[in-house]
Amino acid sequence: MKVTVKKSEAKGKVKIPSSKSMTIRALVCAALSRGDSDILNPLVSEDTNAAVAVLGKIGVQIRKDEDKWLVTGGKLRVPTEELPCGESATTMRFLMAICSLIPGKHKIVGGPSLSKRPMRSLVEALEKLGIKGSTEGKTTPPVIIEGGTLKGGPTELPGNISSQFISALLMLAPFAKEEVSIKMTTPLTSKPYVLMTLWCLKKFGIDVRSEWDRFVVRRQAYKPTRLKIEGDWSSASYFLALGAVSGEITVENLSTSSLQGDRVILDYLRTMGATVRTAGNSVIVSKSNLRAIRADLSDCIDLLPTMAVLAALAEGTSVFVGIERARIKESNRITAIKEGLERLGVTVTEGQDSLTIVGLKTPKPKKDDEEDEDEEKTEEEVEEERELVTIDSYGDHRIAMAFSVFGAALGGVTVDGAECVAKTFPDFWEVMKSAGGELEIDAK
């Protein structure tokens, strides 16, 4: 599917869908609790549907109502087939931990993109706790887990590859015979996601002791509970950015006290000069003249596409660091961003762990013999001269959604592979339209 985004004026209100990360965490904790748990306002998307389906294959009952899922957990069974996780890395990594509790050999598989993402470090950490495992690729899926031999004790793993590895071990640890100590061998990145896991575990009755470079978990039992899922700040970032570059928009269903790392988008927008107001569970952002920013995104890596597009539409040179892990997401996001922005006429310099972006509003040095004609052109005349540029989403939902913001600001952007937004935000294009987005959708 292709979506062409014309220059638009953002207006009105949009309600952001629930958090994908919290929905899957709640599903897993409910699956490990003996009894019935209610998950209120869960996100319904490709990733969460993948989690629901694969949990069903190991004995977890999930009954869906309109705004509630009733999860009956605590009675895991041996699967009779492979366990497919679609393109959900969160689901695969958490399932590796769950399968460690189920006797027998289990094969966990993923889709084409997920099959390229690293899993070996988690396998090695599980092995130190008594679980045998392997990856069919050197470090990548399919993953084989031989469960039922969890003993506990000390384990370790890098903190800078994926916070999901730490979260998976924390979810598994309460079942170990011995106290589990999880040591970080490198500094922890994406710490807010681990804090979300700790919060969710607490809601399900699990206590975790945090120390300087490790987490310690004693043997204990999950307790079923009732949990409401808050709005997703990652999904909100596209509409908050839309307001900053194209009109005014009110984004609803957000908790400004959320543990989600991407909530920092509010601070970044203010630093760039955007007009941002909060009112209860809503945030209002108005079109502003944006200036460049320097930001470390190591704790909010999913904001990179949104921030890159904002930087491209600002004045000055922005620098983003702490982004190396973006290379192993649904796409190599650094490559996808650089390629897309350069096609749109933006100057981008890539480092191993950095991205430097010269905003389009940055004054260019004038040559002595250069005439002033360009300076006299109106914004409408510049827009008419823009050629339609096709951006490859690389099947990555965050690339597709971020570049739609660029299109709304200046026009002339076609996103190829636009259906990929279903991974976390199935109604994105409809919501974009309701927010004033001028779209042409080609479903072929």
Protein backbone atom coordinates (compact mmCIF):
# COMPACT_ATOMS: atom_id res chain seq x y z
CA MET A 1 0.00 0.00 0.00
CA LYS A 2 1.15 3.53 -0.81
CA VAL A 3 0.01 6.69 0.96
CA THR A 4 0.75 10.12 -0.47
CA VAL A 5 0.75 12.89 2.12
CA LYS A 6 0.07 16.41 0.88
CA LYS A 7 0.70 19.60 2.77
CA SER A 8 -1.87 19.65 5.57
CA GLU A 9 -3.11 21.73 8.45
CA ALA A 10 -3.36 19.76 11.70
CA LYS A 11 -6.49 20.41 13.68
CA GLY A 12 -8.85 18.88 16.21
CA LYS A 13 -8.37 16.05 18.65
CA VAL A 14 -6.97 12.54 18.35
CA LYS A 15 -7.12 9.70 20.85
CA ILE A 16 -3.91 7.72 21.04
CA PRO A 17 -4.13 3.90 21.25
CA SER A 18 -2.97 2.03 24.33
CA SER A 19 0.65 1.11 25.00
CA LYS A 20 1.95 -1.89 23.10
CA SER A 21 4.78 -2.45 25.57
CA MET A 22 2.48 -2.42 28.59
CA THR A 23 -0.18 -4.57 26.91
CA ILE A 24 2.30 -7.37 26.21
CA ARG A 25 3.86 -7.10 29.66
CA ALA A 26 0.42 -7.36 31.24
CA LEU A 27 -0.45 -10.38 29.06
CA VAL A 28 2.71 -12.22 30.11
CA CYS A 29 2.31 -11.45 33.82
CA ALA A 30 -1.34 -12.55 33.64
CA ALA A 31 -0.28 -15.75 31.88
CA LEU A 32 2.09 -16.52 34.76
CA SER A 33 -0.57 -15.82 37.43
CA ARG A 34 -2.79 -18.68 38.59
CA GLY A 35 -6.35 -17.44 38.06
CA ASP A 36 -8.17 -14.70 36.17
CA SER A 37 -6.77 -11.25 35.38
CA ASP A 38 -8.54 -8.37 33.65
CA ILE A 39 -6.59 -6.25 31.18
CA LEU A 40 -8.53 -3.08 30.49
CA ASN A 41 -8.10 -0.99 27.32
CA PRO A 42 -5.51 -3.30 25.73
CA LEU A 43 -3.92 -2.37 22.43
CA VAL A 44 -5.25 -4.42 19.51
CA SER A 45 -2.52 -4.57 16.85
CA GLU A 46 -0.39 -7.08 14.94
CA ASP A 47 2.15 -7.31 17.76
CA THR A 48 -0.38 -7.81 20.56
CA ASN A 49 -2.41 -10.23 18.44
CA ALA A 50 0.78 -12.25 17.93
CA ALA A 51 1.27 -12.37 21.70
CA VAL A 52 -2.33 -13.48 22.29
CA ALA A 53 -2.11 -16.21 19.65
CA VAL A 54 1.18 -17.69 20.82
CA LEU A 55 0.18 -17.63 24.50
CA GLY A 56 -2.91 -19.61 23.52
CA LYS A 57 -0.66 -22.34 22.12
CA ILE A 58 0.86 -22.89 25.58
CA GLY A 59 -2.39 -23.07 27.52
CA VAL A 60 -3.25 -19.45 28.33
CA GLN A 61 -6.93 -18.64 27.85
CA ILE A 62 -7.70 -15.12 26.65
CA ARG A 63 -11.30 -14.01 26.18
CA LYS A 64 -11.75 -10.72 24.37
CA ASP A 65 -14.49 -8.20 25.07
CA GLU A 66 -14.67 -4.77 23.47
CA ASP A 67 -12.44 -2.94 25.98
CA LYS A 68 -11.25 -5.81 28.16
CA TRP A 69 -9.33 -9.07 27.90
CA LEU A 70 -9.93 -11.74 30.55
CA VAL A 71 -6.76 -13.79 30.90
CA THR A 72 -6.76 -17.15 32.70
CA GLY A 73 -3.18 -18.12 33.47
CA GLY A 74 -1.06 -20.38 35.63
CA LYS A 75 -1.67 -23.63 33.73
CA LEU A 76 0.98 -23.73 31.05
CA ARG A 77 1.02 -26.75 28.73
CA VAL A 78 3.53 -28.28 26.34
CA PRO A 79 2.95 -26.89 22.83
CA THR A 80 2.36 -29.34 19.98
CA GLU A 81 3.83 -27.13 17.26
CA GLU A 82 6.26 -24.30 16.60
CA LEU A 83 5.57 -21.04 18.39
CA PRO A 84 5.29 -18.15 15.88
CA CYS A 85 5.77 -14.61 17.18
CA GLY A 86 5.16 -12.71 13.94
CA GLU A 87 7.34 -9.59 13.93
CA SER A 88 7.03 -8.94 17.68
CA ALA A 89 10.48 -9.00 19.30
CA THR A 90 8.93 -8.29 22.69
CA THR A 91 6.73 -11.38 22.37
CA MET A 92 9.61 -13.63 21.29
CA ARG A 93 11.95 -12.56 24.07
CA PHE A 94 9.31 -12.87 26.78
CA LEU A 95 8.19 -16.23 25.37
CA MET A 96 11.74 -17.52 25.64
CA ALA A 97 11.45 -16.95 29.38
CA ILE A 98 8.01 -18.56 29.64
CA CYS A 99 9.10 -21.63 27.67
CA SER A 100 11.93 -22.08 30.17
CA LEU A 101 9.22 -23.15 32.64
CA ILE A 102 7.63 -25.76 30.36
CA PRO A 103 9.32 -29.20 30.16
CA GLY A 104 10.48 -30.28 26.72
CA LYS A 105 12.02 -28.71 23.63
CA HIS A 106 10.29 -25.67 22.15
CA LYS A 107 10.96 -23.94 18.84
CA ILE A 108 10.19 -20.22 18.75
CA VAL A 109 10.08 -18.60 15.30
CA GLY A 110 9.53 -15.13 13.89
CA GLY A 111 8.77 -13.35 10.64
CA PRO A 112 11.41 -12.17 8.13
CA SER A 113 12.40 -9.01 10.03
CA LEU A 114 12.33 -10.56 13.49
CA SER A 115 14.48 -13.44 12.24
CA LYS A 116 17.34 -10.96 11.78
CA ARG A 117 17.27 -9.60 15.34
CA PRO A 118 19.69 -10.75 18.06
CA MET A 119 18.60 -13.33 20.66
CA ARG A 120 21.84 -15.08 21.62
CA SER A 121 22.63 -12.95 24.69
CA LEU A 122 19.33 -13.92 26.29
CA VAL A 123 19.94 -17.60 25.52
CA GLU A 124 23.34 -17.37 27.21
CA ALA A 125 21.83 -15.68 30.28
CA LEU A 126 19.16 -18.40 30.51
CA GLU A 127 21.84 -21.09 30.31
CA LYS A 128 23.46 -19.71 33.45
CA LEU A 129 20.11 -20.27 35.22
CA GLY A 130 20.00 -23.93 34.17
CA ILE A 131 18.09 -23.70 30.87
CA LYS A 132 19.46 -25.18 27.65
CA GLY A 133 18.93 -23.12 24.54
CA SER A 134 20.27 -22.31 21.11
CA THR A 135 19.71 -20.11 18.07
CA GLU A 136 19.65 -21.58 14.57
CA GLY A 137 21.39 -18.48 13.27
CA LYS A 138 24.67 -17.36 14.82
CA THR A 139 22.79 -14.97 17.08
CA THR A 140 19.34 -14.91 15.49
CA PRO A 141 16.07 -16.95 15.47
CA PRO A 142 14.63 -19.49 15.29
CA VAL A 143 15.29 -20.13 18.99
CA ILE A 144 15.22 -23.52 20.68
CA ILE A 145 14.48 -23.59 24.41
CA GLU A 146 14.60 -26.79 26.49
CA GLY A 147 12.46 -25.96 29.50
CA GLY A 148 11.74 -27.39 32.92
CA THR A 149 15.25 -27.21 34.38
CA LEU A 150 15.27 -23.70 35.89
CA LYS A 151 17.42 -23.59 39.02
CA GLY A 152 18.27 -19.90 39.46
CA GLY A 153 21.38 -18.34 40.93
CA PRO A 154 23.55 -15.63 39.35
CA THR A 155 23.44 -14.69 35.68
CA GLU A 156 24.59 -11.75 33.63
CA LEU A 157 24.06 -10.09 30.29
CA PRO A 158 24.84 -6.81 28.49
CA GLY A 159 22.52 -3.94 29.34
CA ASN A 160 23.00 -2.13 26.02
CA ILE A 161 21.55 -4.60 23.50
CA SER A 162 17.89 -4.81 24.49
CA SER A 163 16.04 -3.98 27.69
CA GLN A 164 13.66 -6.80 26.72
CA PHE A 165 16.36 -9.31 27.69
CA ILE A 166 16.43 -7.98 31.25
CA SER A 167 12.63 -7.82 31.38
CA ALA A 168 12.35 -11.45 30.24
CA LEU A 169 14.69 -12.62 33.00
CA LEU A 170 12.85 -10.56 35.61
CA MET A 171 9.56 -12.19 34.60
CA LEU A 172 11.05 -15.68 34.83
CA ALA A 173 13.05 -15.22 38.03
CA PRO A 174 10.23 -15.66 40.62
CA PHE A 175 9.88 -19.34 39.59
CA ALA A 176 13.53 -20.27 40.24
CA LYS A 177 14.38 -22.57 43.14
CA GLU A 178 17.28 -20.32 44.12
CA GLU A 179 17.33 -16.53 44.37
CA VAL A 180 18.17 -15.00 40.99
CA SER A 181 20.78 -12.26 40.62
CA ILE A 182 20.88 -10.53 37.21
CA LYS A 183 24.07 -8.51 36.70
CA MET A 184 24.52 -5.92 33.93
CA THR A 185 27.93 -6.27 32.25
CA THR A 186 27.46 -2.95 30.41
CA PRO A 187 25.45 0.16 31.32
CA LEU A 188 21.71 -0.27 31.01
CA THR A 189 20.05 1.56 28.11
CA SER A 190 16.30 1.98 27.61
CA LYS A 191 15.99 1.98 31.39
CA PRO A 192 12.37 3.27 31.29
CA TYR A 193 11.27 -0.02 29.70
CA VAL A 194 12.78 -1.96 32.58
CA LEU A 195 11.02 0.37 35.01
CA MET A 196 7.76 -0.42 33.20
CA THR A 197 8.44 -4.12 33.72
CA LEU A 198 9.16 -3.61 37.42
CA TRP A 199 5.93 -1.62 37.77
CA CYS A 200 3.92 -4.33 36.03
CA LEU A 201 5.52 -7.08 38.14
CA LYS A 202 4.63 -5.13 41.29
CA LYS A 203 1.00 -4.96 40.17
CA PHE A 204 1.02 -8.75 39.88
CA GLY A 205 2.56 -9.20 43.35
CA ILE A 206 6.23 -9.64 42.45
CA ASP A 207 8.94 -7.77 44.37
CA VAL A 208 12.33 -7.08 42.82
CA ARG A 209 15.34 -5.68 44.67
CA SER A 210 17.36 -3.23 42.60
CA GLU A 211 21.06 -2.66 43.23
CA TRP A 212 23.63 -0.56 41.42
CA ASP A 213 24.41 -2.98 38.58
CA ARG A 214 22.02 -5.86 39.23
CA PHE A 215 18.48 -7.00 40.04
CA VAL A 216 17.77 -9.63 42.70
CA VAL A 217 14.56 -11.70 42.73
CA ARG A 218 13.56 -14.30 45.33
CA ARG A 219 11.14 -17.17 44.75
CA GLN A 220 7.53 -15.94 44.90
CA ALA A 221 4.14 -16.33 43.20
CA TYR A 222 2.32 -14.11 40.73
CA LYS A 223 -1.13 -12.94 41.79
CA PRO A 224 -3.90 -12.20 39.26
CA THR A 225 -5.02 -8.60 39.10
CA ARG A 226 -6.98 -5.97 37.18
CA LEU A 227 -4.82 -3.60 35.15
CA LYS A 228 -5.69 -0.65 32.93
CA ILE A 229 -3.35 0.05 30.01
CA GLU A 230 -2.39 3.69 29.47
CA GLY A 231 -1.89 5.46 26.14
CA ASP A 232 1.25 4.88 24.09
CA TRP A 233 3.73 7.78 24.04
CA SER A 234 5.60 6.30 21.06
CA SER A 235 2.40 6.42 18.99
CA ALA A 236 1.61 9.88 20.36
CA SER A 237 4.94 11.29 19.20
CA TYR A 238 3.84 11.46 15.54
CA PHE A 239 0.78 13.57 16.32
CA LEU A 240 2.61 15.75 18.82
CA ALA A 241 5.18 16.38 16.09
CA LEU A 242 2.39 16.99 13.57
CA GLY A 243 1.01 19.77 15.75
CA ALA A 244 4.44 21.37 16.02
CA VAL A 245 4.92 21.61 12.24
CA SER A 246 1.39 21.88 10.86
CA GLY A 247 -1.33 23.70 12.80
CA GLU A 248 -2.59 22.77 16.25
CA ILE A 249 -3.63 19.40 17.63
CA THR A 250 -4.87 17.99 20.93
CA VAL A 251 -3.58 14.49 21.70
CA GLU A 252 -5.70 12.59 24.21
CA ASN A 253 -5.30 9.43 26.34
CA LEU A 254 -1.85 10.29 27.69
CA SER A 255 -0.49 10.12 31.22
CA THR A 256 2.04 12.86 31.85
CA SER A 257 3.30 10.86 34.86
CA SER A 258 3.91 7.77 32.73
CA LEU A 259 7.05 5.65 33.13
CA GLN A 260 7.31 5.36 29.34
CA GLY A 261 10.61 6.76 28.16
CA ASP A 262 9.09 8.38 25.07
CA ARG A 263 7.21 10.83 27.29
CA VAL A 264 10.41 12.89 27.04
CA ILE A 265 9.14 14.02 23.61
CA LEU A 266 7.42 16.86 25.51
CA ASP A 267 10.77 18.13 26.80
CA TYR A 268 12.35 17.81 23.36
CA LEU A 269 9.53 19.74 21.70
CA ARG A 270 9.80 22.55 24.23
CA THR A 271 13.58 22.68 23.78
CA MET A 272 13.05 23.01 20.02
CA GLY A 273 10.72 25.97 20.62
CA ALA A 274 7.34 24.31 20.17
CA THR A 275 4.29 25.57 22.03
CA VAL A 276 3.21 22.69 24.32
CA ARG A 277 0.41 22.71 26.89
CA THR A 278 -0.95 19.91 29.07
CA ALA A 279 -4.48 19.58 30.41
CA GLY A 280 -5.37 16.44 32.33
CA ASN A 281 -4.76 13.47 30.04
CA SER A 282 -4.34 15.68 26.95
CA VAL A 283 -1.42 17.51 25.36
CA ILE A 284 -1.93 20.44 22.98
CA VAL A 285 0.85 21.30 20.52
CA SER A 286 0.77 24.29 18.15
CA LYS A 287 2.77 25.05 15.00
CA SER A 288 6.02 26.77 15.89
CA ASN A 289 9.32 27.85 14.39
CA LEU A 290 11.53 24.98 15.48
CA ARG A 291 15.21 25.24 16.26
CA ALA A 292 17.87 22.53 16.32
CA ILE A 293 18.45 20.22 19.27
CA ARG A 294 21.16 17.92 20.59
CA ALA A 295 19.78 14.85 22.37
CA ASP A 296 20.89 11.50 23.74
CA LEU A 297 18.20 8.99 22.71
CA SER A 298 19.66 5.93 24.44
CA ASP A 299 16.66 5.71 26.80
CA CYS A 300 14.05 6.50 24.13
CA ILE A 301 15.39 4.94 20.94
CA ASP A 302 11.94 4.63 19.32
CA LEU A 303 11.75 8.44 19.15
CA LEU A 304 14.63 8.61 16.64
CA PRO A 305 12.46 8.68 13.46
CA THR A 306 10.14 11.35 14.91
CA MET A 307 13.02 13.50 16.18
CA ALA A 308 14.91 13.15 12.89
CA VAL A 309 11.93 14.48 10.94
CA LEU A 310 11.47 17.37 13.41
CA ALA A 311 15.18 18.19 13.06
CA ALA A 312 14.84 18.18 9.27
CA LEU A 313 12.03 20.77 9.53
CA ALA A 314 13.89 22.98 12.02
CA GLU A 315 16.50 25.71 11.71
CA GLY A 316 20.06 24.73 12.55
CA THR A 317 22.02 21.53 12.90
CA SER A 318 20.71 18.83 15.23
CA VAL A 319 22.75 15.97 16.63
CA PHE A 320 21.35 12.71 18.02
CA VAL A 321 23.56 10.25 19.91
CA GLY A 322 22.96 6.94 21.72
CA ILE A 323 21.26 5.53 18.64
CA GLU A 324 23.37 2.54 17.57
CA ARG A 325 20.67 0.05 18.64
CA ALA A 326 18.35 1.59 16.04
CA ARG A 327 20.25 -0.48 13.47
CA ILE A 328 18.65 -3.70 14.79
CA LYS A 329 15.02 -2.69 14.94
CA GLU A 330 12.33 -3.62 12.39
CA SER A 331 14.69 -2.03 9.88
CA ASN A 332 18.09 -0.44 10.08
CA ARG A 333 16.43 2.81 11.10
CA ILE A 334 19.57 4.89 10.79
CA THR A 335 19.94 3.87 7.15
CA ALA A 336 16.22 4.25 6.46
CA ILE A 337 16.11 7.75 8.00
CA LYS A 338 19.25 8.95 6.23
CA GLU A 339 18.12 7.63 2.86
CA GLY A 340 14.62 9.09 3.20
CA LEU A 341 15.72 12.52 4.39
CA GLU A 342 18.39 12.82 1.70
CA ARG A 343 15.77 12.05 -0.95
CA LEU A 344 13.84 15.00 0.47
CA GLY A 345 16.84 17.32 0.16
CA VAL A 346 18.02 17.21 3.77
CA THR A 347 21.74 17.03 4.61
CA VAL A 348 22.42 14.07 6.93
CA THR A 349 25.71 12.80 8.33
CA GLU A 350 25.82 9.32 9.86
CA GLY A 351 28.18 8.18 12.59
CA GLN A 352 28.37 4.78 14.25
CA ASP A 353 26.32 6.03 17.20
CA SER A 354 25.13 9.41 15.94
CA LEU A 355 23.10 11.22 13.32
CA THR A 356 23.64 14.87 12.37
CA ILE A 357 20.83 16.64 10.50
CA VAL A 358 20.91 20.11 8.96
CA GLY A 359 17.38 21.49 9.03
CA LEU A 360 15.80 22.78 5.83
CA LYS A 361 15.16 26.18 7.45
CA THR A 362 18.87 26.70 8.08
CA PRO A 363 20.12 29.74 6.12
CA LYS A 364 22.55 28.73 3.41
CA PRO A 365 25.69 30.79 2.80
CA LYS A 366 25.19 32.93 -0.30
CA LYS A 367 27.74 33.20 -3.07
CA ASP A 368 28.82 36.67 -4.15
CA ASP A 369 27.19 36.39 -7.58
CA GLU A 370 24.02 34.69 -6.34
CA GLU A 371 20.76 36.53 -6.92
CA ASP A 372 18.06 37.00 -4.30
CA GLU A 373 15.23 35.49 -6.36
CA ASP A 374 14.82 32.40 -4.16
CA GLU A 375 14.40 34.55 -1.07
CA GLU A 376 11.43 36.28 -2.68
CA LYS A 377 9.48 33.07 -3.38
CA THR A 378 6.39 32.47 -1.30
CA GLU A 379 5.89 29.30 0.69
CA GLU A 380 3.18 28.28 -1.80
CA GLU A 381 5.55 28.73 -4.76
CA VAL A 382 8.21 26.60 -3.06
CA GLU A 383 5.60 23.92 -2.38
CA GLU A 384 4.50 23.85 -6.04
CA GLU A 385 8.10 23.28 -7.13
CA ARG A 386 8.53 20.28 -4.83
CA GLU A 387 8.63 17.00 -6.67
CA LEU A 388 6.80 13.99 -5.30
CA VAL A 389 9.29 11.83 -3.39
CA THR A 390 8.68 8.17 -2.57
CA ILE A 391 10.00 7.02 0.80
CA ASP A 392 10.69 3.33 1.38
CA SER A 393 9.29 2.38 4.81
CA TYR A 394 11.36 -0.83 4.80
CA GLY A 395 8.28 -2.41 6.39
CA ASP A 396 8.98 -0.38 9.54
CA HIS A 397 5.95 1.20 11.19
CA ARG A 398 7.93 3.99 12.84
CA ILE A 399 9.61 5.03 9.58
CA ALA A 400 6.24 5.18 7.81
CA MET A 401 4.54 7.22 10.54
CA ALA A 402 7.43 9.64 11.01
CA PHE A 403 7.74 10.51 7.32
CA SER A 404 4.01 11.18 7.14
CA VAL A 405 4.72 14.14 9.45
CA PHE A 406 7.24 15.51 6.95
CA GLY A 407 4.65 15.16 4.20
CA ALA A 408 2.04 17.03 6.22
CA ALA A 409 4.50 19.86 6.84
CA LEU A 410 5.77 20.37 3.28
CA GLY A 411 3.79 18.04 1.01
CA GLY A 412 5.07 15.77 -1.71
CA VAL A 413 5.78 12.57 0.24
CA THR A 414 4.62 9.09 -0.74
CA VAL A 415 5.19 6.36 1.84
CA ASP A 416 5.65 2.93 0.24
CA GLY A 417 4.73 -0.11 2.34
CA ALA A 418 2.40 2.07 4.41
CA GLU A 419 0.38 -0.91 5.69
CA CYS A 420 3.21 -1.68 8.13
CA VAL A 421 1.66 0.74 10.65
CA ALA A 422 -0.66 -2.14 11.66
CA LYS A 423 2.16 -3.48 13.83
CA THR A 424 1.36 -0.98 16.59
CA PHE A 425 -1.19 1.55 15.24
CA PRO A 426 -3.66 -0.12 12.83
CA ASP A 427 -5.86 2.99 12.49
CA PHE A 428 -2.99 5.41 11.97
CA TRP A 429 -3.94 6.62 8.50
CA GLU A 430 -7.60 7.07 9.46
CA VAL A 431 -6.56 9.02 12.56
CA MET A 432 -4.17 11.07 10.42
CA LYS A 433 -7.07 12.01 8.16
CA SER A 434 -9.23 12.97 11.13
CA ALA A 435 -6.42 15.26 12.31
CA GLY A 436 -6.44 17.21 9.05
CA GLY A 437 -4.05 15.05 7.05
CA GLU A 438 -4.51 15.40 3.27
CA LEU A 439 -3.93 11.82 2.10
CA GLU A 440 -4.24 9.78 -1.08
CA ILE A 441 -4.30 6.04 -0.31
CA ASP A 442 -3.42 3.49 -2.98
CA ALA A 443 -4.21 0.05 -1.59
CA LYS A 444 -2.62 -1.82 -4.53
